[in-house]
Amino acid sequence: MNPKEREIWRLERSTKFLVWMASKSSKNKTWLDKLCRLLVTKVTAVHPDDDFLRDPLIDEDKGFDPDELDRFQRGEQ
């Protein structure tokens, strides 16, 4: 088995294991299910710096205040 085949085999096994853990964590009845849920959540979580869906206006709370929003919706300046 050459190194490329070994890497493909390793990725295939890890993917199968992750799918098994995800199916196990969806039940959430036993302690093993809960442990799998914790691990799957940790593995699939996106780091906040890499999350392209985050909005800096919301994170920094630079939005409209209620009065500004009301004036904007009524079309006032």
C-alpha atoms as a PDB file:
ATOM      1  CA  MET A   1       0.000   0.000   0.000  1.00  0.00           C
ATOM      2  CA  ASN A   2       1.591   3.250  -1.090  1.00  0.00           C
ATOM      3  CA  PRO A   3       1.270   6.491   0.952  1.00  0.00           C
ATOM      4  CA  LYS A   4      -1.457   7.933  -1.279  1.00  0.00           C
ATOM      5  CA  GLU A   5      -3.637   4.831  -0.888  1.00  0.00           C
ATOM      6  CA  ARG A   6      -2.993   4.851   2.846  1.00  0.00           C
ATOM      7  CA  GLU A   7      -4.163   8.468   3.086  1.00  0.00           C
ATOM      8  CA  ILE A   8      -7.309   7.702   1.079  1.00  0.00           C
ATOM      9  CA  TRP A   9      -7.998   4.692   3.314  1.00  0.00           C
ATOM     10  CA  ARG A  10      -7.504   6.834   6.434  1.00  0.00           C
ATOM     11  CA  LEU A  11      -9.901   9.514   5.144  1.00  0.00           C
ATOM     12  CA  GLU A  12     -12.482   6.888   4.233  1.00  0.00           C
ATOM     13  CA  ARG A  13     -12.318   5.284   7.687  1.00  0.00           C
ATOM     14  CA  SER A  14     -12.532   8.635   9.480  1.00  0.00           C
ATOM     15  CA  THR A  15     -15.533   9.637   7.359  1.00  0.00           C
ATOM     16  CA  LYS A  16     -17.299   6.358   8.118  1.00  0.00           C
ATOM     17  CA  PHE A  17     -16.560   6.844  11.806  1.00  0.00           C
ATOM     18  CA  LEU A  18     -17.901  10.419  11.742  1.00  0.00           C
ATOM     19  CA  VAL A  19     -21.107   9.260  10.014  1.00  0.00           C
ATOM     20  CA  TRP A  20     -21.502   6.537  12.633  1.00  0.00           C
ATOM     21  CA  MET A  21     -20.994   9.099  15.411  1.00  0.00           C
ATOM     22  CA  ALA A  22     -23.529  11.462  13.830  1.00  0.00           C
ATOM     23  CA  SER A  23     -26.154   8.734  13.593  1.00  0.00           C
ATOM     24  CA  LYS A  24     -25.407   7.691  17.172  1.00  0.00           C
ATOM     25  CA  SER A  25     -25.634  11.270  18.453  1.00  0.00           C
ATOM     26  CA  SER A  26     -29.040  11.824  16.855  1.00  0.00           C
ATOM     27  CA  LYS A  27     -30.610   9.368  19.304  1.00  0.00           C
ATOM     28  CA  ASN A  28     -29.332  11.191  22.430  1.00  0.00           C
ATOM     29  CA  LYS A  29     -30.561   8.524  24.884  1.00  0.00           C
ATOM     30  CA  THR A  30     -27.489   6.900  26.421  1.00  0.00           C
ATOM     31  CA  TRP A  31     -24.258   8.414  27.701  1.00  0.00           C
ATOM     32  CA  LEU A  32     -22.495   7.207  24.529  1.00  0.00           C
ATOM     33  CA  ASP A  33     -25.037   9.072  22.377  1.00  0.00           C
ATOM     34  CA  LYS A  34     -24.439  12.234  24.384  1.00  0.00           C
ATOM     35  CA  LEU A  35     -20.673  11.827  24.144  1.00  0.00           C
ATOM     36  CA  CYS A  36     -20.943  11.368  20.371  1.00  0.00           C
ATOM     37  CA  ARG A  37     -23.097  14.501  20.155  1.00  0.00           C
ATOM     38  CA  LEU A  38     -20.479  16.473  22.079  1.00  0.00           C
ATOM     39  CA  LEU A  39     -17.656  15.226  19.866  1.00  0.00           C
ATOM     40  CA  VAL A  40     -19.540  15.802  16.599  1.00  0.00           C
ATOM     41  CA  THR A  41     -20.414  19.328  17.711  1.00  0.00           C
ATOM     42  CA  LYS A  42     -16.792  20.017  18.583  1.00  0.00           C
ATOM     43  CA  VAL A  43     -15.453  18.599  15.315  1.00  0.00           C
ATOM     44  CA  THR A  44     -17.933  20.394  13.052  1.00  0.00           C
ATOM     45  CA  ALA A  45     -17.917  23.776  14.816  1.00  0.00           C
ATOM     46  CA  VAL A  46     -16.610  26.683  12.768  1.00  0.00           C
ATOM     47  CA  HIS A  47     -14.080  29.000  14.377  1.00  0.00           C
ATOM     48  CA  PRO A  48     -15.548  32.529  14.675  1.00  0.00           C
ATOM     49  CA  ASP A  49     -12.685  34.017  12.645  1.00  0.00           C
ATOM     50  CA  ASP A  50     -13.400  31.621   9.765  1.00  0.00           C
ATOM     51  CA  ASP A  51     -17.199  32.043   9.797  1.00  0.00           C
ATOM     52  CA  PHE A  52     -18.124  34.018   6.680  1.00  0.00           C
ATOM     53  CA  LEU A  53     -21.760  34.365   7.787  1.00  0.00           C
ATOM     54  CA  ARG A  54     -20.937  36.574  10.765  1.00  0.00           C
ATOM     55  CA  ASP A  55     -21.909  40.204  10.415  1.00  0.00           C
ATOM     56  CA  PRO A  56     -19.648  42.801  12.055  1.00  0.00           C
ATOM     57  CA  LEU A  57     -22.579  45.206  12.480  1.00  0.00           C
ATOM     58  CA  ILE A  58     -24.387  42.648  14.631  1.00  0.00           C
ATOM     59  CA  ASP A  59     -21.285  41.496  16.495  1.00  0.00           C
ATOM     60  CA  GLU A  60     -20.293  45.056  17.408  1.00  0.00           C
ATOM     61  CA  ASP A  61     -23.922  46.110  18.060  1.00  0.00           C
ATOM     62  CA  LYS A  62     -23.789  48.996  15.567  1.00  0.00           C
ATOM     63  CA  GLY A  63     -27.371  48.715  14.380  1.00  0.00           C
ATOM     64  CA  PHE A  64     -30.348  51.041  14.485  1.00  0.00           C
ATOM     65  CA  ASP A  65     -31.871  52.066  17.768  1.00  0.00           C
ATOM     66  CA  PRO A  66     -35.692  51.694  17.858  1.00  0.00           C
ATOM     67  CA  ASP A  67     -36.351  55.406  17.158  1.00  0.00           C
ATOM     68  CA  GLU A  68     -34.033  55.450  14.132  1.00  0.00           C
ATOM     69  CA  LEU A  69     -35.629  52.287  12.800  1.00  0.00           C
ATOM     70  CA  ASP A  70     -39.133  53.729  13.227  1.00  0.00           C
ATOM     71  CA  ARG A  71     -38.166  56.957  11.397  1.00  0.00           C
ATOM     72  CA  PHE A  72     -36.505  54.928   8.622  1.00  0.00           C
ATOM     73  CA  GLN A  73     -39.584  52.749   8.168  1.00  0.00           C
ATOM     74  CA  ARG A  74     -41.827  55.833   7.948  1.00  0.00           C
ATOM     75  CA  GLY A  75     -39.482  57.371   5.355  1.00  0.00           C
ATOM     76  CA  GLU A  76     -38.393  60.339   7.463  1.00  0.00           C
ATOM     77  CA  GLN A  77     -34.891  61.775   7.332  1.00  0.00           C
END
